[in-house]
Protein backbone atom coordinates (compact mmCIF):
# COMPACT_ATOMS: atom_id res chain seq x y z
CA UNK A 1 12.56 -5.19 -14.86
CA UNK A 2 11.14 -5.46 -10.74
CA UNK A 3 9.38 -2.29 -11.02
CA UNK A 4 7.36 -3.38 -14.46
CA UNK A 5 6.45 -6.34 -12.18
CA UNK A 6 5.01 -4.51 -9.34
CA UNK A 7 3.53 -2.09 -11.86
CA UNK A 8 1.62 -5.19 -13.73
CA UNK A 9 0.73 -6.27 -10.08
CA UNK A 10 -0.93 -2.85 -9.25
CA UNK A 11 -3.28 -3.45 -12.21
CA UNK A 12 -4.78 -6.48 -10.32
CA UNK A 13 -4.92 -4.74 -7.16
CA UNK A 14 -8.64 -3.87 -5.65
CA UNK A 15 -8.75 -0.29 -4.35
CA UNK A 16 -10.55 1.24 -1.48
CA UNK A 17 -13.48 1.70 -3.96
CA UNK A 18 -14.57 -0.80 -6.62
CA UNK A 19 -14.41 2.25 -8.82
CA UNK A 20 -10.80 3.02 -8.26
CA UNK A 21 -9.17 0.59 -10.23
CA UNK A 22 -5.34 1.42 -11.17
CA UNK A 23 -4.19 1.45 -14.58
CA UNK A 24 -0.66 1.32 -16.05
CA UNK A 25 -0.48 5.01 -16.88
CA UNK A 26 -1.18 5.82 -13.45
CA UNK A 27 1.13 3.45 -11.72
CA UNK A 28 4.24 5.37 -11.78
CA UNK A 29 2.43 8.44 -10.21
CA UNK A 30 1.08 5.70 -7.44
CA UNK A 31 4.49 5.02 -6.64
CA UNK A 32 5.70 8.31 -6.55
CA UNK A 33 2.93 9.05 -4.29
CA UNK A 34 4.28 6.20 -2.06
CA UNK A 35 7.93 7.62 -2.35
CA UNK A 36 6.95 10.86 -1.64
CA UNK A 37 4.23 9.95 1.42
CA UNK A 38 6.19 7.54 3.11
CA UNK A 39 9.96 8.77 2.38
CA UNK A 40 10.93 5.43 0.64
CA UNK A 41 12.28 4.35 -2.26
CA UNK A 42 11.11 2.11 -5.59
CA UNK A 43 13.13 -0.87 -4.30
CA UNK A 44 11.06 -1.07 -0.95
CA UNK A 45 7.89 -0.78 -2.99
CA UNK A 46 8.99 -3.16 -5.45
CA UNK A 47 9.96 -5.87 -2.83
CA UNK A 48 6.72 -5.34 -1.14
CA UNK A 49 4.87 -5.96 -4.60
CA UNK A 50 6.92 -9.13 -5.29
CA UNK A 51 5.68 -10.46 -2.09
CA UNK A 52 2.19 -10.42 -3.71
CA UNK A 53 1.01 -7.15 -1.98
CA UNK A 54 -1.21 -5.04 -3.87
CA UNK A 55 -1.04 -1.16 -3.80
CA UNK A 56 -3.48 -0.59 -0.97
CA UNK A 57 -1.66 -3.17 1.17
CA UNK A 58 1.58 -1.67 0.62
CA UNK A 59 0.03 1.50 2.00
CA UNK A 60 -1.21 0.16 5.01
CA UNK A 61 2.18 -1.93 5.64
CA UNK A 62 4.22 1.54 5.19
CA UNK A 63 1.54 3.40 7.31
CA UNK A 64 1.78 0.56 10.38
CA UNK A 65 5.43 0.56 9.99
CA UNK A 66 5.87 4.31 10.13
CA UNK A 67 4.14 4.21 13.75
CA UNK A 68 6.68 1.67 15.09
CA UNK A 69 9.85 2.38 17.24
CA UNK A 70 12.23 3.43 14.59
CA UNK A 71 9.77 4.14 11.48
CA UNK A 72 9.79 2.63 8.26
CA UNK A 73 13.07 -0.20 8.30
CA UNK A 74 13.39 -3.48 6.86
CA UNK A 75 13.04 -4.57 10.19
CA UNK A 76 9.75 -3.15 11.03
CA UNK A 77 8.37 -3.45 7.17
CA UNK A 78 9.61 -7.23 7.51
CA UNK A 79 7.70 -7.68 10.86
CA UNK A 80 4.25 -6.44 9.62
CA UNK A 81 4.33 -8.40 6.10
CA UNK A 82 5.17 -11.71 7.93
CA UNK A 83 2.39 -11.01 10.41
CA UNK A 84 0.07 -10.45 7.13
CA UNK A 85 1.46 -13.41 5.35
CA UNK A 86 1.15 -15.58 8.12
CA UNK A 87 -1.60 -17.89 8.08
CA UNK A 88 -3.67 -18.19 11.48
CA UNK A 89 -5.25 -20.91 13.14
CA UNK A 90 -8.27 -20.20 10.88
CA UNK A 91 -6.50 -20.80 7.44
CA UNK A 92 -6.90 -17.36 6.60
CA UNK A 93 -4.43 -13.97 6.88
CA UNK A 94 -4.53 -12.12 9.87
CA UNK A 95 -6.67 -9.20 9.31
CA UNK A 96 -5.28 -5.47 9.65
CA UNK A 97 -6.93 -4.89 13.13
CA UNK A 98 -5.39 -7.62 14.66
CA UNK A 99 -1.87 -7.08 13.43
CA UNK A 100 -2.20 -3.52 14.54
CA UNK A 101 -3.63 -4.56 17.96
CA UNK A 102 -0.78 -7.22 18.64
CA UNK A 103 1.66 -4.71 17.72
CA UNK A 104 0.07 -1.81 19.97
CA UNK A 105 -0.87 0.49 17.23
CA UNK A 106 -4.03 2.04 15.94
CA UNK A 107 -5.66 2.24 12.43
CA UNK A 108 -6.95 5.54 12.54
CA UNK A 109 -3.20 7.13 10.75
CA UNK A 110 -3.40 3.68 8.36
CA UNK A 111 -7.17 4.74 7.55
CA UNK A 112 -6.37 8.59 7.22
CA UNK A 113 -3.17 7.64 4.80
CA UNK A 114 -5.34 5.18 2.81
CA UNK A 115 -7.96 8.09 2.29
CA UNK A 116 -5.49 11.07 1.45
CA UNK A 117 -3.78 8.88 -1.14
CA UNK A 118 -7.16 7.54 -2.47
CA UNK A 119 -8.69 11.34 -3.17
CA UNK A 120 -5.58 12.25 -4.72
CA UNK A 121 -5.57 9.47 -7.06
CA UNK A 122 -9.53 10.19 -7.64
CA UNK A 123 -8.43 13.76 -8.19
CA UNK A 124 -5.68 13.18 -10.77
CA UNK A 125 -8.00 10.68 -12.26
CA UNK A 126 -10.78 12.94 -12.98
CA UNK A 127 -8.69 15.63 -14.37
CA UNK A 128 -7.30 12.92 -16.78
CA UNK A 129 -11.11 12.42 -17.85
CA UNK A 130 -11.63 16.21 -18.25
CA UNK A 131 -8.95 16.30 -20.54
CA UNK A 132 -9.97 13.48 -22.50
CA UNK A 133 -13.57 15.10 -22.84
């Protein structure tokens, strides 16, 4: 049930580019990619999805937590999520660069992870389209 809710949440996410909408048949593959890339289980991914994070935000949270002492732990993931969801004085969520800076991390590895997963997704999407043609 929880996985289904997250999969539905992926449908509403905005990808790295406007042409990268995630459709339901790709959602399981996207979750598998996250599990493999970050060595996490679907329960952790579901939890992030239930918090309202889209696919791209889940990648960013995991990529930032991976850089922290101890790697991807409940504490590190919770820290990043709380910083993201906390409303700054301006009434807006903190930006990812601000969060990274406050944690003493860099965005370069995060961007690399985003790009890598996006390229894999787009490659699989192109292969699916070829099969249809």
